[in-house]
Amino acid sequence: MAPKDRSRDLKLGPGGLSDVEFLIQRLQLPHGAAHPALRAPGTLEALRAAADLALLPEEAARDLHAGWNLLTRLRQHLRLRSTGPPADLLPEDPAEFDILARSLGLPDGAPLRERCRATTARIRDLFSRHFLAG
């Protein structure tokens, strides 16, 4: 993948869905044996358990949950518009980005771009702080 495409990738880009998944799995590995609730098969359930067990601050868990929901919703909207194989890349074409934004109830792509940027930056920050600290 081209470096410019990484920032548009909802799954594998910095602050993407994989960052949330890896962070939760990083907490599950050392703590799962002692805490059955943490062994939840779904990312959001395990995230909730990690917060309940104070393995993640509540604010971090809320932000990760909200980010997960936004990125997942964007991914679903992209798949609905796709005529080919599923894609996890946000559109480069401004007109396509505007269509995506309107499908989410926004007037155009500008607020969605800012929300995506802020969301992925926050997820990446939390990933960096908590994944490395483990």
N, C-alpha and C. Protein backbone atom coordinates (compact mmCIF):
# COMPACT_ATOMS: atom_id res chain seq x y z
N MET A 1 0.83 -1.17 0.00
CA MET A 1 0.00 0.00 0.00
C MET A 1 0.88 1.24 0.00
N ALA A 2 0.51 2.18 -0.82
CA ALA A 2 1.26 3.44 -0.88
C ALA A 2 1.13 4.19 0.44
N PRO A 3 2.21 4.87 0.86
CA PRO A 3 2.15 5.61 2.14
C PRO A 3 0.97 6.57 2.23
N LYS A 4 0.62 7.22 1.12
CA LYS A 4 -0.50 8.16 1.16
C LYS A 4 -1.83 7.44 1.40
N ASP A 5 -1.92 6.18 1.00
CA ASP A 5 -3.15 5.42 1.21
C ASP A 5 -3.30 4.94 2.65
N ARG A 6 -2.20 4.78 3.37
CA ARG A 6 -2.28 4.29 4.76
C ARG A 6 -3.18 5.17 5.61
N SER A 7 -3.10 6.47 5.44
CA SER A 7 -3.89 7.37 6.28
C SER A 7 -5.38 7.29 5.94
N ARG A 8 -5.73 6.72 4.80
CA ARG A 8 -7.14 6.58 4.41
C ARG A 8 -7.69 5.20 4.75
N ASP A 9 -6.84 4.29 5.23
CA ASP A 9 -7.25 2.92 5.48
C ASP A 9 -7.91 2.80 6.86
N LEU A 10 -9.20 2.49 6.86
CA LEU A 10 -9.97 2.42 8.10
C LEU A 10 -9.57 1.24 8.97
N LYS A 11 -9.04 0.20 8.38
CA LYS A 11 -8.66 -1.00 9.13
C LYS A 11 -7.19 -0.96 9.54
N LEU A 12 -6.30 -0.75 8.58
CA LEU A 12 -4.87 -0.93 8.84
C LEU A 12 -4.08 0.36 8.99
N GLY A 13 -4.71 1.49 8.75
CA GLY A 13 -4.01 2.77 8.86
C GLY A 13 -3.77 3.16 10.31
N PRO A 14 -2.90 4.12 10.54
CA PRO A 14 -2.64 4.59 11.90
C PRO A 14 -3.95 5.08 12.54
N GLY A 15 -4.26 4.55 13.70
CA GLY A 15 -5.50 4.91 14.38
C GLY A 15 -6.71 4.18 13.84
N GLY A 16 -6.48 3.13 13.06
CA GLY A 16 -7.57 2.37 12.48
C GLY A 16 -8.09 1.27 13.40
N LEU A 17 -8.99 0.48 12.87
CA LEU A 17 -9.61 -0.59 13.64
C LEU A 17 -8.59 -1.59 14.20
N SER A 18 -7.53 -1.84 13.46
CA SER A 18 -6.51 -2.78 13.95
C SER A 18 -5.81 -2.26 15.19
N ASP A 19 -5.65 -0.96 15.31
CA ASP A 19 -5.03 -0.41 16.52
C ASP A 19 -5.88 -0.73 17.75
N VAL A 20 -7.19 -0.61 17.61
CA VAL A 20 -8.08 -0.94 18.73
C VAL A 20 -8.00 -2.43 19.03
N GLU A 21 -8.05 -3.26 17.99
CA GLU A 21 -7.98 -4.71 18.17
C GLU A 21 -6.68 -5.13 18.84
N PHE A 22 -5.56 -4.62 18.35
CA PHE A 22 -4.26 -5.00 18.92
C PHE A 22 -4.11 -4.54 20.36
N LEU A 23 -4.61 -3.35 20.66
CA LEU A 23 -4.54 -2.86 22.03
C LEU A 23 -5.32 -3.77 22.97
N ILE A 24 -6.52 -4.16 22.58
CA ILE A 24 -7.32 -5.04 23.42
C ILE A 24 -6.66 -6.41 23.54
N GLN A 25 -6.14 -6.93 22.45
CA GLN A 25 -5.47 -8.23 22.51
C GLN A 25 -4.22 -8.17 23.39
N ARG A 26 -3.56 -7.03 23.38
CA ARG A 26 -2.37 -6.83 24.23
C ARG A 26 -2.76 -6.89 25.70
N LEU A 27 -3.94 -6.44 26.03
CA LEU A 27 -4.43 -6.52 27.41
C LEU A 27 -4.96 -7.92 27.74
N GLN A 28 -5.55 -8.57 26.76
CA GLN A 28 -6.09 -9.91 26.98
C GLN A 28 -4.99 -10.94 27.28
N LEU A 29 -3.88 -10.83 26.62
CA LEU A 29 -2.82 -11.83 26.79
C LEU A 29 -2.32 -11.96 28.23
N PRO A 30 -1.90 -10.89 28.87
CA PRO A 30 -1.38 -11.06 30.23
C PRO A 30 -2.47 -11.14 31.31
N HIS A 31 -3.68 -10.67 31.01
CA HIS A 31 -4.69 -10.57 32.06
C HIS A 31 -5.88 -11.50 31.87
N GLY A 32 -5.99 -12.12 30.71
CA GLY A 32 -7.16 -12.95 30.40
C GLY A 32 -7.32 -14.17 31.28
N ALA A 33 -6.23 -14.79 31.67
CA ALA A 33 -6.33 -16.00 32.51
C ALA A 33 -6.97 -15.68 33.85
N ALA A 34 -6.65 -14.54 34.40
CA ALA A 34 -7.18 -14.17 35.72
C ALA A 34 -8.56 -13.52 35.63
N HIS A 35 -8.96 -13.05 34.46
CA HIS A 35 -10.21 -12.31 34.33
C HIS A 35 -11.02 -12.85 33.15
N PRO A 36 -11.92 -13.81 33.41
CA PRO A 36 -12.69 -14.42 32.31
C PRO A 36 -13.47 -13.41 31.45
N ALA A 37 -13.94 -12.32 32.04
CA ALA A 37 -14.69 -11.34 31.25
C ALA A 37 -13.84 -10.74 30.14
N LEU A 38 -12.54 -10.69 30.35
CA LEU A 38 -11.63 -10.12 29.35
C LEU A 38 -11.46 -11.03 28.14
N ARG A 39 -11.86 -12.29 28.29
CA ARG A 39 -11.71 -13.25 27.19
C ARG A 39 -12.89 -13.20 26.22
N ALA A 40 -13.63 -12.13 26.24
CA ALA A 40 -14.76 -11.96 25.34
C ALA A 40 -14.29 -12.04 23.89
N PRO A 41 -15.06 -12.69 23.03
CA PRO A 41 -14.62 -12.83 21.63
C PRO A 41 -14.71 -11.54 20.82
N GLY A 42 -15.57 -10.61 21.22
CA GLY A 42 -15.73 -9.37 20.46
C GLY A 42 -14.88 -8.25 21.04
N THR A 43 -14.38 -7.42 20.15
CA THR A 43 -13.52 -6.31 20.57
C THR A 43 -14.22 -5.37 21.54
N LEU A 44 -15.46 -5.00 21.26
CA LEU A 44 -16.14 -4.05 22.13
C LEU A 44 -16.45 -4.64 23.51
N GLU A 45 -16.79 -5.92 23.55
CA GLU A 45 -17.03 -6.57 24.84
C GLU A 45 -15.74 -6.64 25.66
N ALA A 46 -14.66 -6.98 25.01
CA ALA A 46 -13.37 -7.04 25.69
C ALA A 46 -12.92 -5.64 26.12
N LEU A 47 -13.21 -4.65 25.32
CA LEU A 47 -12.89 -3.26 25.67
C LEU A 47 -13.65 -2.85 26.94
N ARG A 48 -14.92 -3.19 27.00
CA ARG A 48 -15.73 -2.88 28.19
C ARG A 48 -15.15 -3.58 29.42
N ALA A 49 -14.78 -4.85 29.25
CA ALA A 49 -14.20 -5.60 30.37
C ALA A 49 -12.89 -4.98 30.82
N ALA A 50 -12.06 -4.55 29.88
CA ALA A 50 -10.78 -3.92 30.23
C ALA A 50 -11.01 -2.65 31.04
N ALA A 51 -12.03 -1.88 30.69
CA ALA A 51 -12.34 -0.67 31.45
C ALA A 51 -12.89 -1.04 32.83
N ASP A 52 -13.77 -2.03 32.88
CA ASP A 52 -14.34 -2.46 34.16
C ASP A 52 -13.26 -2.96 35.11
N LEU A 53 -12.22 -3.56 34.56
CA LEU A 53 -11.12 -4.09 35.37
C LEU A 53 -10.03 -3.04 35.63
N ALA A 54 -10.26 -1.82 35.16
CA ALA A 54 -9.32 -0.71 35.31
C ALA A 54 -7.98 -0.97 34.61
N LEU A 55 -8.02 -1.76 33.56
CA LEU A 55 -6.83 -1.97 32.74
C LEU A 55 -6.68 -0.83 31.74
N LEU A 56 -7.76 -0.13 31.51
CA LEU A 56 -7.79 1.08 30.68
C LEU A 56 -8.60 2.13 31.43
N PRO A 57 -8.19 3.37 31.37
CA PRO A 57 -9.03 4.42 31.96
C PRO A 57 -10.39 4.48 31.26
N GLU A 58 -11.42 4.82 32.00
CA GLU A 58 -12.78 4.87 31.45
C GLU A 58 -12.86 5.81 30.24
N GLU A 59 -12.21 6.97 30.32
CA GLU A 59 -12.24 7.92 29.21
C GLU A 59 -11.60 7.31 27.96
N ALA A 60 -10.50 6.60 28.12
CA ALA A 60 -9.84 5.96 26.99
C ALA A 60 -10.76 4.91 26.38
N ALA A 61 -11.41 4.12 27.24
CA ALA A 61 -12.32 3.09 26.74
C ALA A 61 -13.49 3.72 25.97
N ARG A 62 -14.03 4.81 26.48
CA ARG A 62 -15.12 5.50 25.78
C ARG A 62 -14.66 6.01 24.42
N ASP A 63 -13.48 6.61 24.37
CA ASP A 63 -12.96 7.13 23.10
C ASP A 63 -12.68 6.01 22.10
N LEU A 64 -12.13 4.91 22.57
CA LEU A 64 -11.87 3.77 21.69
C LEU A 64 -13.18 3.18 21.18
N HIS A 65 -14.17 3.08 22.04
CA HIS A 65 -15.47 2.56 21.64
C HIS A 65 -16.11 3.46 20.59
N ALA A 66 -16.11 4.76 20.83
CA ALA A 66 -16.68 5.71 19.87
C ALA A 66 -15.93 5.67 18.54
N GLY A 67 -14.60 5.59 18.61
CA GLY A 67 -13.80 5.51 17.39
C GLY A 67 -14.08 4.24 16.62
N TRP A 68 -14.17 3.13 17.33
CA TRP A 68 -14.49 1.84 16.71
C TRP A 68 -15.84 1.94 15.98
N ASN A 69 -16.83 2.53 16.65
CA ASN A 69 -18.15 2.64 16.04
C ASN A 69 -18.13 3.51 14.79
N LEU A 70 -17.43 4.64 14.85
CA LEU A 70 -17.36 5.51 13.67
C LEU A 70 -16.67 4.81 12.51
N LEU A 71 -15.51 4.22 12.76
CA LEU A 71 -14.76 3.59 11.67
C LEU A 71 -15.52 2.40 11.10
N THR A 72 -16.20 1.65 11.94
CA THR A 72 -17.00 0.52 11.47
C THR A 72 -18.17 1.00 10.62
N ARG A 73 -18.81 2.07 11.07
CA ARG A 73 -19.94 2.62 10.30
C ARG A 73 -19.47 3.14 8.94
N LEU A 74 -18.33 3.82 8.91
CA LEU A 74 -17.77 4.29 7.64
C LEU A 74 -17.48 3.11 6.72
N ARG A 75 -16.89 2.08 7.28
CA ARG A 75 -16.55 0.88 6.51
C ARG A 75 -17.82 0.26 5.90
N GLN A 76 -18.88 0.20 6.67
CA GLN A 76 -20.14 -0.36 6.18
C GLN A 76 -20.70 0.49 5.05
N HIS A 77 -20.65 1.80 5.20
CA HIS A 77 -21.15 2.68 4.15
C HIS A 77 -20.32 2.55 2.88
N LEU A 78 -19.01 2.41 3.03
CA LEU A 78 -18.16 2.22 1.86
C LEU A 78 -18.50 0.91 1.14
N ARG A 79 -18.74 -0.12 1.91
CA ARG A 79 -19.07 -1.42 1.31
C ARG A 79 -20.40 -1.38 0.59
N LEU A 80 -21.35 -0.63 1.11
CA LEU A 80 -22.64 -0.50 0.44
C LEU A 80 -22.51 0.19 -0.92
N ARG A 81 -21.56 1.10 -1.03
CA ARG A 81 -21.35 1.83 -2.29
C ARG A 81 -20.43 1.11 -3.26
N SER A 82 -19.72 0.11 -2.78
CA SER A 82 -18.72 -0.56 -3.61
C SER A 82 -19.37 -1.51 -4.61
N THR A 83 -18.85 -1.47 -5.83
CA THR A 83 -19.30 -2.42 -6.85
C THR A 83 -18.29 -3.54 -7.03
N GLY A 84 -17.14 -3.41 -6.39
CA GLY A 84 -16.10 -4.42 -6.49
C GLY A 84 -15.86 -5.07 -5.13
N PRO A 85 -14.66 -5.54 -4.94
CA PRO A 85 -14.35 -6.14 -3.65
C PRO A 85 -14.43 -5.10 -2.54
N PRO A 86 -14.74 -5.53 -1.32
CA PRO A 86 -14.82 -4.56 -0.22
C PRO A 86 -13.54 -3.75 -0.08
N ALA A 87 -13.72 -2.48 0.16
CA ALA A 87 -12.57 -1.58 0.32
C ALA A 87 -12.65 -0.91 1.67
N ASP A 88 -11.51 -0.73 2.30
CA ASP A 88 -11.44 -0.06 3.59
C ASP A 88 -10.84 1.33 3.46
N LEU A 89 -10.64 1.79 2.23
CA LEU A 89 -10.02 3.09 2.01
C LEU A 89 -11.08 4.18 1.87
N LEU A 90 -10.88 5.27 2.63
CA LEU A 90 -11.73 6.44 2.42
C LEU A 90 -11.47 6.97 1.02
N PRO A 91 -12.49 7.49 0.36
CA PRO A 91 -12.29 7.97 -1.01
C PRO A 91 -11.36 9.18 -1.08
N GLU A 92 -10.59 9.22 -2.16
CA GLU A 92 -9.74 10.39 -2.43
C GLU A 92 -10.54 11.48 -3.14
N ASP A 93 -11.44 11.05 -4.00
CA ASP A 93 -12.25 11.98 -4.79
C ASP A 93 -13.16 12.78 -3.86
N PRO A 94 -13.04 14.12 -3.87
CA PRO A 94 -13.87 14.95 -2.99
C PRO A 94 -15.38 14.72 -3.17
N ALA A 95 -15.81 14.48 -4.41
CA ALA A 95 -17.24 14.24 -4.65
C ALA A 95 -17.68 12.94 -3.96
N GLU A 96 -16.87 11.92 -4.06
CA GLU A 96 -17.19 10.64 -3.39
C GLU A 96 -17.17 10.80 -1.87
N PHE A 97 -16.25 11.61 -1.39
CA PHE A 97 -16.18 11.85 0.06
C PHE A 97 -17.42 12.60 0.52
N ASP A 98 -17.90 13.53 -0.29
CA ASP A 98 -19.13 14.26 0.04
C ASP A 98 -20.33 13.31 0.07
N ILE A 99 -20.38 12.38 -0.86
CA ILE A 99 -21.46 11.38 -0.88
C ILE A 99 -21.42 10.55 0.39
N LEU A 100 -20.23 10.11 0.78
CA LEU A 100 -20.07 9.33 2.00
C LEU A 100 -20.55 10.15 3.21
N ALA A 101 -20.16 11.40 3.27
CA ALA A 101 -20.56 12.27 4.38
C ALA A 101 -22.08 12.43 4.43
N ARG A 102 -22.69 12.65 3.28
CA ARG A 102 -24.15 12.81 3.24
C ARG A 102 -24.86 11.53 3.65
N SER A 103 -24.27 10.38 3.35
CA SER A 103 -24.89 9.11 3.76
C SER A 103 -24.89 8.96 5.28
N LEU A 104 -24.04 9.74 5.94
CA LEU A 104 -23.97 9.74 7.40
C LEU A 104 -24.70 10.93 8.01
N GLY A 105 -25.42 11.67 7.17
CA GLY A 105 -26.22 12.79 7.66
C GLY A 105 -25.48 14.10 7.77
N LEU A 106 -24.30 14.19 7.18
CA LEU A 106 -23.53 15.43 7.21
C LEU A 106 -23.73 16.20 5.91
N PRO A 107 -23.57 17.53 5.93
CA PRO A 107 -23.83 18.32 4.72
C PRO A 107 -22.80 18.11 3.61
N ASP A 108 -21.55 17.85 3.98
CA ASP A 108 -20.48 17.63 3.00
C ASP A 108 -19.32 16.93 3.69
N GLY A 109 -18.23 16.77 2.95
CA GLY A 109 -17.11 16.01 3.46
C GLY A 109 -16.23 16.69 4.49
N ALA A 110 -16.28 18.01 4.59
CA ALA A 110 -15.37 18.73 5.50
C ALA A 110 -15.51 18.28 6.96
N PRO A 111 -16.73 18.25 7.53
CA PRO A 111 -16.82 17.82 8.93
C PRO A 111 -16.45 16.34 9.11
N LEU A 112 -16.73 15.55 8.11
CA LEU A 112 -16.37 14.12 8.21
C LEU A 112 -14.85 13.95 8.16
N ARG A 113 -14.18 14.68 7.29
CA ARG A 113 -12.72 14.61 7.24
C ARG A 113 -12.11 14.96 8.59
N GLU A 114 -12.61 16.03 9.19
CA GLU A 114 -12.08 16.46 10.50
C GLU A 114 -12.39 15.43 11.57
N ARG A 115 -13.58 14.89 11.54
CA ARG A 115 -13.93 13.86 12.54
C ARG A 115 -13.07 12.61 12.38
N CYS A 116 -12.83 12.20 11.14
CA CYS A 116 -11.96 11.03 10.89
C CYS A 116 -10.54 11.32 11.38
N ARG A 117 -10.04 12.50 11.07
CA ARG A 117 -8.69 12.86 11.48
C ARG A 117 -8.57 12.86 13.00
N ALA A 118 -9.51 13.49 13.67
CA ALA A 118 -9.48 13.56 15.13
C ALA A 118 -9.64 12.18 15.76
N THR A 119 -10.51 11.37 15.19
CA THR A 119 -10.76 10.02 15.73
C THR A 119 -9.54 9.14 15.58
N THR A 120 -8.95 9.10 14.40
CA THR A 120 -7.79 8.23 14.21
C THR A 120 -6.58 8.74 14.99
N ALA A 121 -6.46 10.05 15.13
CA ALA A 121 -5.35 10.59 15.95
C ALA A 121 -5.51 10.17 17.41
N ARG A 122 -6.74 10.23 17.92
CA ARG A 122 -6.99 9.84 19.31
C ARG A 122 -6.75 8.35 19.52
N ILE A 123 -7.24 7.53 18.59
CA ILE A 123 -7.02 6.08 18.70
C ILE A 123 -5.53 5.78 18.67
N ARG A 124 -4.81 6.42 17.76
CA ARG A 124 -3.37 6.16 17.66
C ARG A 124 -2.64 6.59 18.91
N ASP A 125 -3.03 7.72 19.49
CA ASP A 125 -2.42 8.17 20.73
C ASP A 125 -2.67 7.16 21.86
N LEU A 126 -3.89 6.70 21.99
CA LEU A 126 -4.22 5.71 23.03
C LEU A 126 -3.48 4.40 22.78
N PHE A 127 -3.44 3.99 21.53
CA PHE A 127 -2.70 2.77 21.17
C PHE A 127 -1.24 2.90 21.58
N SER A 128 -0.63 4.00 21.24
CA SER A 128 0.79 4.20 21.55
C SER A 128 1.03 4.22 23.05
N ARG A 129 0.18 4.89 23.78
CA ARG A 129 0.36 4.97 25.23
C ARG A 129 0.11 3.65 25.94
N HIS A 130 -0.96 2.98 25.60
CA HIS A 130 -1.36 1.79 26.35
C HIS A 130 -0.81 0.49 25.77
N PHE A 131 -0.55 0.44 24.49
CA PHE A 131 -0.01 -0.79 23.91
C PHE A 131 1.43 -0.97 24.37
N LEU A 132 2.20 0.10 24.31
CA LEU A 132 3.60 0.02 24.69
C LEU A 132 3.78 -0.13 26.19
N ALA A 133 2.86 0.45 26.96
CA ALA A 133 2.96 0.37 28.42
C ALA A 133 2.49 -0.99 28.92
N GLY A 134 1.48 -1.55 28.20
CA GLY A 134 0.91 -2.86 28.48
C GLY A 134 0.83 -3.22 29.88
